[in-house]
Amino acid sequence: MTKEQIEVVQNTFNKVRPMSGTAAQLFYNRLFDVDPSVRETLLWTLKQGLGADFTPEAEVAWGNAYDFLAAVMQQAAKGASM
């Protein structure tokens, strides 16, 4: 992730925090309607909750943040199973 993407994720996260209950409800309701594809559901939830604040740059930054965390968790799971 770039420095700018980290800043975008941090700034939009601060905007999601006040609506965290609504965001969680949106996320889990949507999660079971789709694949379930968690990445897609997370981005959809942020788009619904943030509206115009969820810019294309924010979508890319959050997608990269998700991909990074997923990779870290997958590596940790591989290490734990060894």
N, C-alpha and C. Protein backbone atom coordinates (compact mmCIF):
# COMPACT_ATOMS: atom_id res chain seq x y z
N MET A 1 0.84 -1.19 0.00
CA MET A 1 0.00 0.00 0.00
C MET A 1 0.87 1.24 0.00
N THR A 2 0.39 2.26 -0.70
CA THR A 2 1.12 3.52 -0.71
C THR A 2 0.78 4.33 0.53
N LYS A 3 1.60 5.33 0.81
CA LYS A 3 1.35 6.23 1.94
C LYS A 3 -0.01 6.91 1.78
N GLU A 4 -0.32 7.31 0.56
CA GLU A 4 -1.59 7.99 0.29
C GLU A 4 -2.77 7.04 0.56
N GLN A 5 -2.63 5.78 0.16
CA GLN A 5 -3.71 4.81 0.38
C GLN A 5 -3.92 4.56 1.87
N ILE A 6 -2.83 4.50 2.62
CA ILE A 6 -2.95 4.33 4.08
C ILE A 6 -3.71 5.51 4.68
N GLU A 7 -3.39 6.71 4.24
CA GLU A 7 -4.07 7.91 4.75
C GLU A 7 -5.55 7.89 4.38
N VAL A 8 -5.88 7.46 3.17
CA VAL A 8 -7.29 7.39 2.74
C VAL A 8 -8.05 6.39 3.61
N VAL A 9 -7.46 5.22 3.86
CA VAL A 9 -8.12 4.22 4.71
C VAL A 9 -8.32 4.78 6.11
N GLN A 10 -7.31 5.43 6.66
CA GLN A 10 -7.43 6.00 8.01
C GLN A 10 -8.52 7.07 8.06
N ASN A 11 -8.55 7.96 7.06
CA ASN A 11 -9.53 9.04 7.05
C ASN A 11 -10.95 8.52 6.89
N THR A 12 -11.15 7.57 5.98
CA THR A 12 -12.51 7.05 5.80
C THR A 12 -12.92 6.15 6.95
N PHE A 13 -11.98 5.47 7.59
CA PHE A 13 -12.31 4.67 8.77
C PHE A 13 -12.87 5.56 9.87
N ASN A 14 -12.28 6.73 10.04
CA ASN A 14 -12.79 7.67 11.04
C ASN A 14 -14.21 8.11 10.75
N LYS A 15 -14.59 8.13 9.47
CA LYS A 15 -15.95 8.48 9.10
C LYS A 15 -16.92 7.31 9.28
N VAL A 16 -16.40 6.09 9.21
CA VAL A 16 -17.24 4.90 9.41
C VAL A 16 -17.51 4.68 10.90
N ARG A 17 -16.55 5.03 11.73
CA ARG A 17 -16.64 4.76 13.17
C ARG A 17 -17.97 5.21 13.79
N PRO A 18 -18.49 6.43 13.51
CA PRO A 18 -19.75 6.84 14.13
C PRO A 18 -20.95 5.99 13.67
N MET A 19 -20.83 5.33 12.53
CA MET A 19 -21.95 4.52 12.04
C MET A 19 -21.59 3.03 12.07
N SER A 20 -20.72 2.64 13.00
CA SER A 20 -20.21 1.27 13.01
C SER A 20 -21.31 0.23 13.17
N GLY A 21 -22.33 0.52 13.96
CA GLY A 21 -23.43 -0.43 14.11
C GLY A 21 -24.17 -0.64 12.80
N THR A 22 -24.47 0.45 12.12
CA THR A 22 -25.13 0.37 10.82
C THR A 22 -24.24 -0.32 9.81
N ALA A 23 -22.94 0.00 9.83
CA ALA A 23 -22.00 -0.63 8.89
C ALA A 23 -21.94 -2.14 9.13
N ALA A 24 -21.91 -2.56 10.37
CA ALA A 24 -21.87 -3.99 10.68
C ALA A 24 -23.14 -4.68 10.18
N GLN A 25 -24.28 -4.05 10.39
CA GLN A 25 -25.55 -4.62 9.93
C GLN A 25 -25.57 -4.72 8.41
N LEU A 26 -25.17 -3.66 7.72
CA LEU A 26 -25.09 -3.69 6.26
C LEU A 26 -24.16 -4.80 5.79
N PHE A 27 -22.99 -4.88 6.43
CA PHE A 27 -21.98 -5.86 6.03
C PHE A 27 -22.50 -7.29 6.16
N TYR A 28 -23.04 -7.64 7.32
CA TYR A 28 -23.46 -9.02 7.52
C TYR A 28 -24.72 -9.37 6.75
N ASN A 29 -25.63 -8.42 6.58
CA ASN A 29 -26.79 -8.69 5.74
C ASN A 29 -26.37 -8.96 4.30
N ARG A 30 -25.43 -8.18 3.81
CA ARG A 30 -24.96 -8.33 2.44
C ARG A 30 -24.07 -9.58 2.28
N LEU A 31 -23.30 -9.87 3.29
CA LEU A 31 -22.35 -10.98 3.22
C LEU A 31 -23.03 -12.29 2.79
N PHE A 32 -24.19 -12.54 3.34
CA PHE A 32 -24.86 -13.80 3.05
C PHE A 32 -25.72 -13.74 1.80
N ASP A 33 -25.84 -12.56 1.20
CA ASP A 33 -26.56 -12.42 -0.07
C ASP A 33 -25.64 -12.68 -1.26
N VAL A 34 -24.36 -12.46 -1.07
CA VAL A 34 -23.41 -12.66 -2.16
C VAL A 34 -22.63 -13.94 -1.91
N ASP A 35 -21.61 -14.15 -2.60
CA ASP A 35 -20.86 -15.39 -2.76
C ASP A 35 -20.69 -16.30 -1.55
N PRO A 36 -20.39 -16.13 -0.34
CA PRO A 36 -20.04 -14.86 0.28
C PRO A 36 -18.61 -14.44 -0.06
N SER A 37 -18.51 -13.27 -0.66
CA SER A 37 -17.21 -12.71 -1.01
C SER A 37 -16.94 -11.55 -0.06
N VAL A 38 -16.13 -11.78 0.93
CA VAL A 38 -15.94 -10.81 2.01
C VAL A 38 -15.38 -9.50 1.48
N ARG A 39 -14.42 -9.56 0.56
CA ARG A 39 -13.81 -8.34 0.03
C ARG A 39 -14.87 -7.48 -0.65
N GLU A 40 -15.65 -8.10 -1.51
CA GLU A 40 -16.71 -7.39 -2.22
C GLU A 40 -17.72 -6.80 -1.24
N THR A 41 -18.06 -7.57 -0.22
CA THR A 41 -19.03 -7.11 0.76
C THR A 41 -18.50 -5.93 1.57
N LEU A 42 -17.23 -5.98 1.94
CA LEU A 42 -16.63 -4.87 2.67
C LEU A 42 -16.68 -3.60 1.84
N LEU A 43 -16.26 -3.69 0.57
CA LEU A 43 -16.26 -2.50 -0.29
C LEU A 43 -17.67 -1.99 -0.52
N TRP A 44 -18.63 -2.89 -0.69
CA TRP A 44 -20.03 -2.49 -0.88
C TRP A 44 -20.55 -1.76 0.36
N THR A 45 -20.22 -2.29 1.54
CA THR A 45 -20.67 -1.68 2.80
C THR A 45 -20.11 -0.27 2.94
N LEU A 46 -18.82 -0.12 2.67
CA LEU A 46 -18.21 1.21 2.77
C LEU A 46 -18.84 2.18 1.78
N LYS A 47 -19.13 1.70 0.58
CA LYS A 47 -19.76 2.55 -0.43
C LYS A 47 -21.15 3.00 0.02
N GLN A 48 -21.91 2.09 0.61
CA GLN A 48 -23.25 2.43 1.09
C GLN A 48 -23.17 3.42 2.24
N GLY A 49 -22.26 3.19 3.16
CA GLY A 49 -22.17 4.02 4.35
C GLY A 49 -21.54 5.38 4.12
N LEU A 50 -20.54 5.43 3.25
CA LEU A 50 -19.79 6.68 3.05
C LEU A 50 -20.31 7.51 1.90
N GLY A 51 -21.05 6.90 0.99
CA GLY A 51 -21.58 7.65 -0.16
C GLY A 51 -20.47 8.31 -0.95
N ALA A 52 -20.59 9.62 -1.15
CA ALA A 52 -19.63 10.36 -1.97
C ALA A 52 -18.22 10.37 -1.37
N ASP A 53 -18.11 10.14 -0.07
CA ASP A 53 -16.78 10.08 0.55
C ASP A 53 -16.02 8.81 0.17
N PHE A 54 -16.73 7.82 -0.37
CA PHE A 54 -16.06 6.60 -0.81
C PHE A 54 -15.67 6.78 -2.26
N THR A 55 -14.61 7.53 -2.44
CA THR A 55 -14.11 7.89 -3.76
C THR A 55 -13.46 6.68 -4.43
N PRO A 56 -13.20 6.77 -5.74
CA PRO A 56 -12.45 5.68 -6.39
C PRO A 56 -11.11 5.42 -5.71
N GLU A 57 -10.45 6.48 -5.23
CA GLU A 57 -9.19 6.31 -4.53
C GLU A 57 -9.39 5.55 -3.22
N ALA A 58 -10.47 5.86 -2.52
CA ALA A 58 -10.77 5.14 -1.27
C ALA A 58 -11.06 3.67 -1.56
N GLU A 59 -11.78 3.39 -2.64
CA GLU A 59 -12.08 2.00 -2.98
C GLU A 59 -10.81 1.20 -3.27
N VAL A 60 -9.89 1.79 -4.02
CA VAL A 60 -8.62 1.11 -4.31
C VAL A 60 -7.82 0.93 -3.02
N ALA A 61 -7.76 1.96 -2.19
CA ALA A 61 -7.00 1.88 -0.94
C ALA A 61 -7.56 0.80 -0.02
N TRP A 62 -8.89 0.77 0.14
CA TRP A 62 -9.50 -0.25 0.99
C TRP A 62 -9.33 -1.64 0.40
N GLY A 63 -9.41 -1.77 -0.91
CA GLY A 63 -9.17 -3.06 -1.55
C GLY A 63 -7.75 -3.54 -1.29
N ASN A 64 -6.79 -2.63 -1.39
CA ASN A 64 -5.40 -2.99 -1.10
C ASN A 64 -5.20 -3.33 0.37
N ALA A 65 -5.85 -2.60 1.25
CA ALA A 65 -5.76 -2.90 2.69
C ALA A 65 -6.31 -4.29 2.97
N TYR A 66 -7.45 -4.61 2.38
CA TYR A 66 -8.04 -5.94 2.56
C TYR A 66 -7.11 -7.02 2.04
N ASP A 67 -6.59 -6.82 0.83
CA ASP A 67 -5.69 -7.81 0.23
C ASP A 67 -4.45 -8.03 1.11
N PHE A 68 -3.91 -6.94 1.64
CA PHE A 68 -2.74 -7.03 2.51
C PHE A 68 -3.05 -7.83 3.76
N LEU A 69 -4.15 -7.49 4.43
CA LEU A 69 -4.51 -8.20 5.66
C LEU A 69 -4.83 -9.67 5.39
N ALA A 70 -5.50 -9.95 4.28
CA ALA A 70 -5.80 -11.33 3.93
C ALA A 70 -4.52 -12.13 3.71
N ALA A 71 -3.54 -11.53 3.04
CA ALA A 71 -2.26 -12.20 2.80
C ALA A 71 -1.53 -12.48 4.12
N VAL A 72 -1.55 -11.51 5.02
CA VAL A 72 -0.91 -11.69 6.33
C VAL A 72 -1.59 -12.83 7.09
N MET A 73 -2.92 -12.85 7.07
CA MET A 73 -3.65 -13.90 7.78
C MET A 73 -3.41 -15.27 7.15
N GLN A 74 -3.33 -15.33 5.82
CA GLN A 74 -3.06 -16.60 5.16
C GLN A 74 -1.66 -17.10 5.50
N GLN A 75 -0.69 -16.21 5.54
CA GLN A 75 0.67 -16.60 5.91
C GLN A 75 0.72 -17.10 7.37
N ALA A 76 0.00 -16.40 8.22
CA ALA A 76 -0.04 -16.81 9.64
C ALA A 76 -0.70 -18.18 9.78
N ALA A 77 -1.74 -18.41 9.01
CA ALA A 77 -2.41 -19.70 9.07
C ALA A 77 -1.49 -20.82 8.58
N LYS A 78 -0.72 -20.55 7.55
CA LYS A 78 0.24 -21.54 7.04
C LYS A 78 1.31 -21.84 8.10
N GLY A 79 1.78 -20.79 8.76
CA GLY A 79 2.80 -20.97 9.79
C GLY A 79 2.26 -21.74 10.99
N ALA A 80 1.00 -21.51 11.32
CA ALA A 80 0.39 -22.18 12.47
C ALA A 80 0.16 -23.67 12.20
N SER A 81 -0.04 -24.00 10.93
CA SER A 81 -0.34 -25.40 10.60
C SER A 81 0.93 -26.24 10.41
N MET A 82 2.09 -25.61 10.48
CA MET A 82 3.34 -26.34 10.28
C MET A 82 3.83 -26.95 11.56
